[in-house]
Amino acid sequence: MNTKTIVAVLLIALGIVALAYSGISFSTPGKPVEFLGLHIATTDNHFIPPVAGALALAGGFVLLLVKPRSS
C-alpha cells in the first residue's frame, strides 16, 4: 500500500465515524488560571461537525478513484 491509499482509507474511516456519531467532540487542556493563590485547571471543548466528516469521506473516495497522471 502506498501513502495515498493509506491517507484515503484514514479519511474514509474518519468520515464514517464523524457521520455515525453526528460529529466528534473532544476536550483539550486549557490555560491554567491563578486566582488569589488558587490554581484552577481549565479545559477547552472542540467539536468537528458532521459536514467535515462528509467532506473527509468524499475526499477519501476521490483519492482512491483518481489515477496518477503519466507524463
PDB file of N, CA and C in Angstrom:
ATOM      1  N   MET A   1       0.837  -1.184   0.000  1.00  0.00           N
ATOM      2  CA  MET A   1       0.000   0.000   0.000  1.00  0.00           C
ATOM      3  C   MET A   1       0.881   1.245   0.000  1.00  0.00           C
ATOM      4  N   ASN A   2       0.520   2.166  -0.833  1.00  0.00           N
ATOM      5  CA  ASN A   2       1.287   3.399  -0.870  1.00  0.00           C
ATOM      6  C   ASN A   2       0.650   4.442   0.053  1.00  0.00           C
ATOM      7  N   THR A   3       1.302   5.573   0.184  1.00  0.00           N
ATOM      8  CA  THR A   3       0.863   6.609   1.113  1.00  0.00           C
ATOM      9  C   THR A   3      -0.507   7.160   0.747  1.00  0.00           C
ATOM     10  N   LYS A   4      -0.765   7.323  -0.546  1.00  0.00           N
ATOM     11  CA  LYS A   4      -2.049   7.872  -0.985  1.00  0.00           C
ATOM     12  C   LYS A   4      -3.202   6.971  -0.569  1.00  0.00           C
ATOM     13  N   THR A   5      -3.030   5.673  -0.675  1.00  0.00           N
ATOM     14  CA  THR A   5      -4.074   4.725  -0.290  1.00  0.00           C
ATOM     15  C   THR A   5      -4.308   4.751   1.215  1.00  0.00           C
ATOM     16  N   ILE A   6      -3.239   4.840   1.989  1.00  0.00           N
ATOM     17  CA  ILE A   6      -3.376   4.881   3.446  1.00  0.00           C
ATOM     18  C   ILE A   6      -4.120   6.146   3.879  1.00  0.00           C
ATOM     19  N   VAL A   7      -3.773   7.287   3.298  1.00  0.00           N
ATOM     20  CA  VAL A   7      -4.459   8.543   3.630  1.00  0.00           C
ATOM     21  C   VAL A   7      -5.923   8.463   3.227  1.00  0.00           C
ATOM     22  N   ALA A   8      -6.209   7.889   2.076  1.00  0.00           N
ATOM     23  CA  ALA A   8      -7.593   7.761   1.616  1.00  0.00           C
ATOM     24  C   ALA A   8      -8.408   6.890   2.563  1.00  0.00           C
ATOM     25  N   VAL A   9      -7.851   5.773   3.005  1.00  0.00           N
ATOM     26  CA  VAL A   9      -8.562   4.885   3.928  1.00  0.00           C
ATOM     27  C   VAL A   9      -8.787   5.576   5.266  1.00  0.00           C
ATOM     28  N   LEU A  10      -7.796   6.331   5.751  1.00  0.00           N
ATOM     29  CA  LEU A  10      -7.965   7.063   7.017  1.00  0.00           C
ATOM     30  C   LEU A  10      -9.045   8.136   6.892  1.00  0.00           C
ATOM     31  N   LEU A  11      -9.084   8.856   5.773  1.00  0.00           N
ATOM     32  CA  LEU A  11     -10.122   9.858   5.566  1.00  0.00           C
ATOM     33  C   LEU A  11     -11.509   9.230   5.515  1.00  0.00           C
ATOM     34  N   ILE A  12     -11.626   8.095   4.852  1.00  0.00           N
ATOM     35  CA  ILE A  12     -12.917   7.407   4.769  1.00  0.00           C
ATOM     36  C   ILE A  12     -13.355   6.943   6.149  1.00  0.00           C
ATOM     37  N   ALA A  13     -12.440   6.375   6.927  1.00  0.00           N
ATOM     38  CA  ALA A  13     -12.782   5.904   8.274  1.00  0.00           C
ATOM     39  C   ALA A  13     -13.194   7.064   9.165  1.00  0.00           C
ATOM     40  N   LEU A  14     -12.447   8.174   9.130  1.00  0.00           N
ATOM     41  CA  LEU A  14     -12.791   9.343   9.932  1.00  0.00           C
ATOM     42  C   LEU A  14     -14.141   9.915   9.514  1.00  0.00           C
ATOM     43  N   GLY A  15     -14.396   9.951   8.217  1.00  0.00           N
ATOM     44  CA  GLY A  15     -15.678  10.453   7.729  1.00  0.00           C
ATOM     45  C   GLY A  15     -16.843   9.597   8.181  1.00  0.00           C
ATOM     46  N   ILE A  16     -16.681   8.279   8.161  1.00  0.00           N
ATOM     47  CA  ILE A  16     -17.752   7.382   8.613  1.00  0.00           C
ATOM     48  C   ILE A  16     -18.015   7.565  10.100  1.00  0.00           C
ATOM     49  N   VAL A  17     -16.957   7.675  10.895  1.00  0.00           N
ATOM     50  CA  VAL A  17     -17.122   7.859  12.349  1.00  0.00           C
ATOM     51  C   VAL A  17     -17.803   9.188  12.636  1.00  0.00           C
ATOM     52  N   ALA A  18     -17.385  10.262  11.964  1.00  0.00           N
ATOM     53  CA  ALA A  18     -17.982  11.576  12.205  1.00  0.00           C
ATOM     54  C   ALA A  18     -19.458  11.594  11.808  1.00  0.00           C
ATOM     55  N   LEU A  19     -19.811  10.917  10.739  1.00  0.00           N
ATOM     56  CA  LEU A  19     -21.222  10.868  10.332  1.00  0.00           C
ATOM     57  C   LEU A  19     -22.040   9.954  11.242  1.00  0.00           C
ATOM     58  N   ALA A  20     -21.447   8.861  11.695  1.00  0.00           N
ATOM     59  CA  ALA A  20     -22.177   7.919  12.541  1.00  0.00           C
ATOM     60  C   ALA A  20     -22.510   8.522  13.903  1.00  0.00           C
ATOM     61  N   TYR A  21     -21.615   9.334  14.445  1.00  0.00           N
ATOM     62  CA  TYR A  21     -21.832   9.923  15.763  1.00  0.00           C
ATOM     63  C   TYR A  21     -22.348  11.351  15.695  1.00  0.00           C
ATOM     64  N   SER A  22     -22.791  11.810  14.548  1.00  0.00           N
ATOM     65  CA  SER A  22     -23.289  13.179  14.350  1.00  0.00           C
ATOM     66  C   SER A  22     -22.276  14.213  14.810  1.00  0.00           C
ATOM     67  N   GLY A  23     -21.035  13.994  14.449  1.00  0.00           N
ATOM     68  CA  GLY A  23     -19.964  14.917  14.814  1.00  0.00           C
ATOM     69  C   GLY A  23     -19.101  14.321  15.911  1.00  0.00           C
ATOM     70  N   ILE A  24     -17.906  14.861  16.057  1.00  0.00           N
ATOM     71  CA  ILE A  24     -16.964  14.378  17.058  1.00  0.00           C
ATOM     72  C   ILE A  24     -16.645  15.533  17.993  1.00  0.00           C
ATOM     73  N   SER A  25     -16.788  15.316  19.288  1.00  0.00           N
ATOM     74  CA  SER A  25     -16.413  16.350  20.252  1.00  0.00           C
ATOM     75  C   SER A  25     -15.302  15.802  21.138  1.00  0.00           C
ATOM     76  N   PHE A  26     -14.376  16.683  21.483  1.00  0.00           N
ATOM     77  CA  PHE A  26     -13.274  16.302  22.349  1.00  0.00           C
ATOM     78  C   PHE A  26     -12.813  17.529  23.120  1.00  0.00           C
ATOM     79  N   SER A  27     -12.103  17.301  24.222  1.00  0.00           N
ATOM     80  CA  SER A  27     -11.592  18.408  25.009  1.00  0.00           C
ATOM     81  C   SER A  27     -10.087  18.305  25.172  1.00  0.00           C
ATOM     82  N   THR A  28      -9.460  19.460  25.270  1.00  0.00           N
ATOM     83  CA  THR A  28      -8.022  19.542  25.455  1.00  0.00           C
ATOM     84  C   THR A  28      -7.748  20.378  26.707  1.00  0.00           C
ATOM     85  N   PRO A  29      -6.599  20.176  27.321  1.00  0.00           N
ATOM     86  CA  PRO A  29      -6.286  21.001  28.491  1.00  0.00           C
ATOM     87  C   PRO A  29      -6.155  22.471  28.092  1.00  0.00           C
ATOM     88  N   GLY A  30      -6.763  23.316  28.896  1.00  0.00           N
ATOM     89  CA  GLY A  30      -6.718  24.746  28.624  1.00  0.00           C
ATOM     90  C   GLY A  30      -5.620  25.420  29.429  1.00  0.00           C
ATOM     91  N   LYS A  31      -5.643  26.716  29.401  1.00  0.00           N
ATOM     92  CA  LYS A  31      -4.662  27.516  30.113  1.00  0.00           C
ATOM     93  C   LYS A  31      -5.044  27.555  31.600  1.00  0.00           C
ATOM     94  N   PRO A  32      -4.130  27.207  32.498  1.00  0.00           N
ATOM     95  CA  PRO A  32      -4.460  27.252  33.920  1.00  0.00           C
ATOM     96  C   PRO A  32      -4.643  28.690  34.403  1.00  0.00           C
ATOM     97  N   VAL A  33      -5.517  28.850  35.400  1.00  0.00           N
ATOM     98  CA  VAL A  33      -5.826  30.169  35.937  1.00  0.00           C
ATOM     99  C   VAL A  33      -5.317  30.237  37.376  1.00  0.00           C
ATOM    100  N   GLU A  34      -4.594  31.309  37.696  1.00  0.00           N
ATOM    101  CA  GLU A  34      -4.149  31.577  39.059  1.00  0.00           C
ATOM    102  C   GLU A  34      -5.000  32.727  39.588  1.00  0.00           C
ATOM    103  N   PHE A  35      -5.762  32.458  40.671  1.00  0.00           N
ATOM    104  CA  PHE A  35      -6.629  33.481  41.230  1.00  0.00           C
ATOM    105  C   PHE A  35      -6.572  33.416  42.744  1.00  0.00           C
ATOM    106  N   LEU A  36      -6.089  34.453  43.363  1.00  0.00           N
ATOM    107  CA  LEU A  36      -5.971  34.555  44.820  1.00  0.00           C
ATOM    108  C   LEU A  36      -5.239  33.356  45.426  1.00  0.00           C
ATOM    109  N   GLY A  37      -4.184  32.942  44.768  1.00  0.00           N
ATOM    110  CA  GLY A  37      -3.403  31.824  45.276  1.00  0.00           C
ATOM    111  C   GLY A  37      -3.974  30.458  44.929  1.00  0.00           C
ATOM    112  N   LEU A  38      -5.099  30.410  44.235  1.00  0.00           N
ATOM    113  CA  LEU A  38      -5.693  29.135  43.829  1.00  0.00           C
ATOM    114  C   LEU A  38      -5.253  28.806  42.414  1.00  0.00           C
ATOM    115  N   HIS A  39      -4.953  27.550  42.185  1.00  0.00           N
ATOM    116  CA  HIS A  39      -4.584  27.082  40.847  1.00  0.00           C
ATOM    117  C   HIS A  39      -5.790  26.343  40.284  1.00  0.00           C
ATOM    118  N   ILE A  40      -6.383  26.885  39.225  1.00  0.00           N
ATOM    119  CA  ILE A  40      -7.596  26.308  38.638  1.00  0.00           C
ATOM    120  C   ILE A  40      -7.265  25.804  37.244  1.00  0.00           C
ATOM    121  N   ALA A  41      -7.475  24.505  37.008  1.00  0.00           N
ATOM    122  CA  ALA A  41      -7.257  23.916  35.690  1.00  0.00           C
ATOM    123  C   ALA A  41      -8.508  24.093  34.839  1.00  0.00           C
ATOM    124  N   THR A  42      -8.308  24.375  33.566  1.00  0.00           N
ATOM    125  CA  THR A  42      -9.434  24.561  32.648  1.00  0.00           C
ATOM    126  C   THR A  42      -9.320  23.588  31.480  1.00  0.00           C
ATOM    127  N   THR A  43     -10.406  23.419  30.758  1.00  0.00           N
ATOM    128  CA  THR A  43     -10.404  22.607  29.548  1.00  0.00           C
ATOM    129  C   THR A  43     -11.067  23.398  28.423  1.00  0.00           C
ATOM    130  N   ASP A  44     -10.633  23.133  27.215  1.00  0.00           N
ATOM    131  CA  ASP A  44     -11.243  23.722  26.022  1.00  0.00           C
ATOM    132  C   ASP A  44     -11.978  22.603  25.288  1.00  0.00           C
ATOM    133  N   ASN A  45     -13.253  22.842  24.989  1.00  0.00           N
ATOM    134  CA  ASN A  45     -14.056  21.865  24.262  1.00  0.00           C
ATOM    135  C   ASN A  45     -14.055  22.205  22.773  1.00  0.00           C
ATOM    136  N   HIS A  46     -13.891  21.184  21.937  1.00  0.00           N
ATOM    137  CA  HIS A  46     -13.865  21.350  20.486  1.00  0.00           C
ATOM    138  C   HIS A  46     -14.900  20.418  19.859  1.00  0.00           C
ATOM    139  N   PHE A  47     -15.407  20.800  18.698  1.00  0.00           N
ATOM    140  CA  PHE A  47     -16.418  19.990  18.007  1.00  0.00           C
ATOM    141  C   PHE A  47     -16.114  19.967  16.513  1.00  0.00           C
ATOM    142  N   ILE A  48     -16.092  18.765  15.942  1.00  0.00           N
ATOM    143  CA  ILE A  48     -15.932  18.589  14.494  1.00  0.00           C
ATOM    144  C   ILE A  48     -17.323  18.246  13.946  1.00  0.00           C
ATOM    145  N   PRO A  49     -17.910  19.124  13.127  1.00  0.00           N
ATOM    146  CA  PRO A  49     -19.286  18.897  12.665  1.00  0.00           C
ATOM    147  C   PRO A  49     -19.373  17.757  11.650  1.00  0.00           C
ATOM    148  N   PRO A  50     -20.580  17.209  11.470  1.00  0.00           N
ATOM    149  CA  PRO A  50     -20.768  16.125  10.502  1.00  0.00           C
ATOM    150  C   PRO A  50     -20.440  16.531   9.066  1.00  0.00           C
ATOM    151  N   VAL A  51     -20.537  17.814   8.751  1.00  0.00           N
ATOM    152  CA  VAL A  51     -20.205  18.273   7.394  1.00  0.00           C
ATOM    153  C   VAL A  51     -18.734  17.991   7.099  1.00  0.00           C
ATOM    154  N   ALA A  52     -17.867  18.190   8.092  1.00  0.00           N
ATOM    155  CA  ALA A  52     -16.447  17.892   7.906  1.00  0.00           C
ATOM    156  C   ALA A  52     -16.255  16.389   7.682  1.00  0.00           C
ATOM    157  N   GLY A  53     -17.060  15.558   8.347  1.00  0.00           N
ATOM    158  CA  GLY A  53     -16.994  14.119   8.126  1.00  0.00           C
ATOM    159  C   GLY A  53     -17.409  13.743   6.717  1.00  0.00           C
ATOM    160  N   ALA A  54     -18.440  14.407   6.207  1.00  0.00           N
ATOM    161  CA  ALA A  54     -18.882  14.140   4.838  1.00  0.00           C
ATOM    162  C   ALA A  54     -17.819  14.560   3.838  1.00  0.00           C
ATOM    163  N   LEU A  55     -17.160  15.689   4.085  1.00  0.00           N
ATOM    164  CA  LEU A  55     -16.085  16.140   3.190  1.00  0.00           C
ATOM    165  C   LEU A  55     -14.889  15.187   3.240  1.00  0.00           C
ATOM    166  N   ALA A  56     -14.566  14.689   4.431  1.00  0.00           N
ATOM    167  CA  ALA A  56     -13.461  13.726   4.555  1.00  0.00           C
ATOM    168  C   ALA A  56     -13.794  12.434   3.812  1.00  0.00           C
ATOM    169  N   LEU A  57     -15.031  11.984   3.940  1.00  0.00           N
ATOM    170  CA  LEU A  57     -15.467  10.774   3.250  1.00  0.00           C
ATOM    171  C   LEU A  57     -15.379  10.948   1.734  1.00  0.00           C
ATOM    172  N   ALA A  58     -15.867  12.068   1.237  1.00  0.00           N
ATOM    173  CA  ALA A  58     -15.809  12.339  -0.206  1.00  0.00           C
ATOM    174  C   ALA A  58     -14.358  12.474  -0.672  1.00  0.00           C
ATOM    175  N   GLY A  59     -13.530  13.158   0.106  1.00  0.00           N
ATOM    176  CA  GLY A  59     -12.126  13.311  -0.260  1.00  0.00           C
ATOM    177  C   GLY A  59     -11.393  11.982  -0.294  1.00  0.00           C
ATOM    178  N   GLY A  60     -11.721  11.078   0.635  1.00  0.00           N
ATOM    179  CA  GLY A  60     -11.106   9.754   0.630  1.00  0.00           C
ATOM    180  C   GLY A  60     -11.473   8.959  -0.607  1.00  0.00           C
ATOM    181  N   PHE A  61     -12.744   9.018  -1.002  1.00  0.00           N
ATOM    182  CA  PHE A  61     -13.159   8.309  -2.206  1.00  0.00           C
ATOM    183  C   PHE A  61     -12.512   8.895  -3.453  1.00  0.00           C
ATOM    184  N   VAL A  62     -12.381  10.220  -3.502  1.00  0.00           N
ATOM    185  CA  VAL A  62     -11.734  10.856  -4.654  1.00  0.00           C
ATOM    186  C   VAL A  62     -10.277  10.416  -4.742  1.00  0.00           C
ATOM    187  N   LEU A  63      -9.579  10.377  -3.592  1.00  0.00           N
ATOM    188  CA  LEU A  63      -8.184   9.928  -3.600  1.00  0.00           C
ATOM    189  C   LEU A  63      -8.052   8.489  -4.086  1.00  0.00           C
ATOM    190  N   LEU A  64      -9.004   7.640  -3.733  1.00  0.00           N
ATOM    191  CA  LEU A  64      -8.944   6.251  -4.178  1.00  0.00           C
ATOM    192  C   LEU A  64      -9.230   6.107  -5.667  1.00  0.00           C
ATOM    193  N   LEU A  65     -10.115   6.945  -6.196  1.00  0.00           N
ATOM    194  CA  LEU A  65     -10.560   6.777  -7.579  1.00  0.00           C
ATOM    195  C   LEU A  65      -9.676   7.481  -8.604  1.00  0.00           C
ATOM    196  N   VAL A  66      -8.990   8.545  -8.210  1.00  0.00           N
ATOM    197  CA  VAL A  66      -8.193   9.323  -9.155  1.00  0.00           C
ATOM    198  C   VAL A  66      -6.889   8.593  -9.438  1.00  0.00           C
ATOM    199  N   LYS A  67      -6.611   8.426 -10.701  1.00  0.00           N
ATOM    200  CA  LYS A  67      -5.375   7.780 -11.135  1.00  0.00           C
ATOM    201  C   LYS A  67      -4.295   8.840 -11.292  1.00  0.00           C
ATOM    202  N   PRO A  68      -3.031   8.509 -10.977  1.00  0.00           N
ATOM    203  CA  PRO A  68      -1.965   9.490 -11.177  1.00  0.00           C
ATOM    204  C   PRO A  68      -1.724   9.735 -12.665  1.00  0.00           C
ATOM    205  N   ARG A  69      -1.318  10.962 -12.987  1.00  0.00           N
ATOM    206  CA  ARG A  69      -1.039  11.304 -14.391  1.00  0.00           C
ATOM    207  C   ARG A  69       0.258  10.649 -14.834  1.00  0.00           C
ATOM    208  N   SER A  70       0.260  10.185 -16.075  1.00  0.00           N
ATOM    209  CA  SER A  70       1.511   9.647 -16.644  1.00  0.00           C
ATOM    210  C   SER A  70       2.034  10.652 -17.647  1.00  0.00           C
ATOM    211  N   SER A  71       3.295  11.002 -17.535  1.00  0.00           N
ATOM    212  CA  SER A  71       3.877  12.027 -18.403  1.00  0.00           C
ATOM    213  C   SER A  71       4.320  11.458 -19.717  1.00  0.00           C
TER     214      SER A  71
END
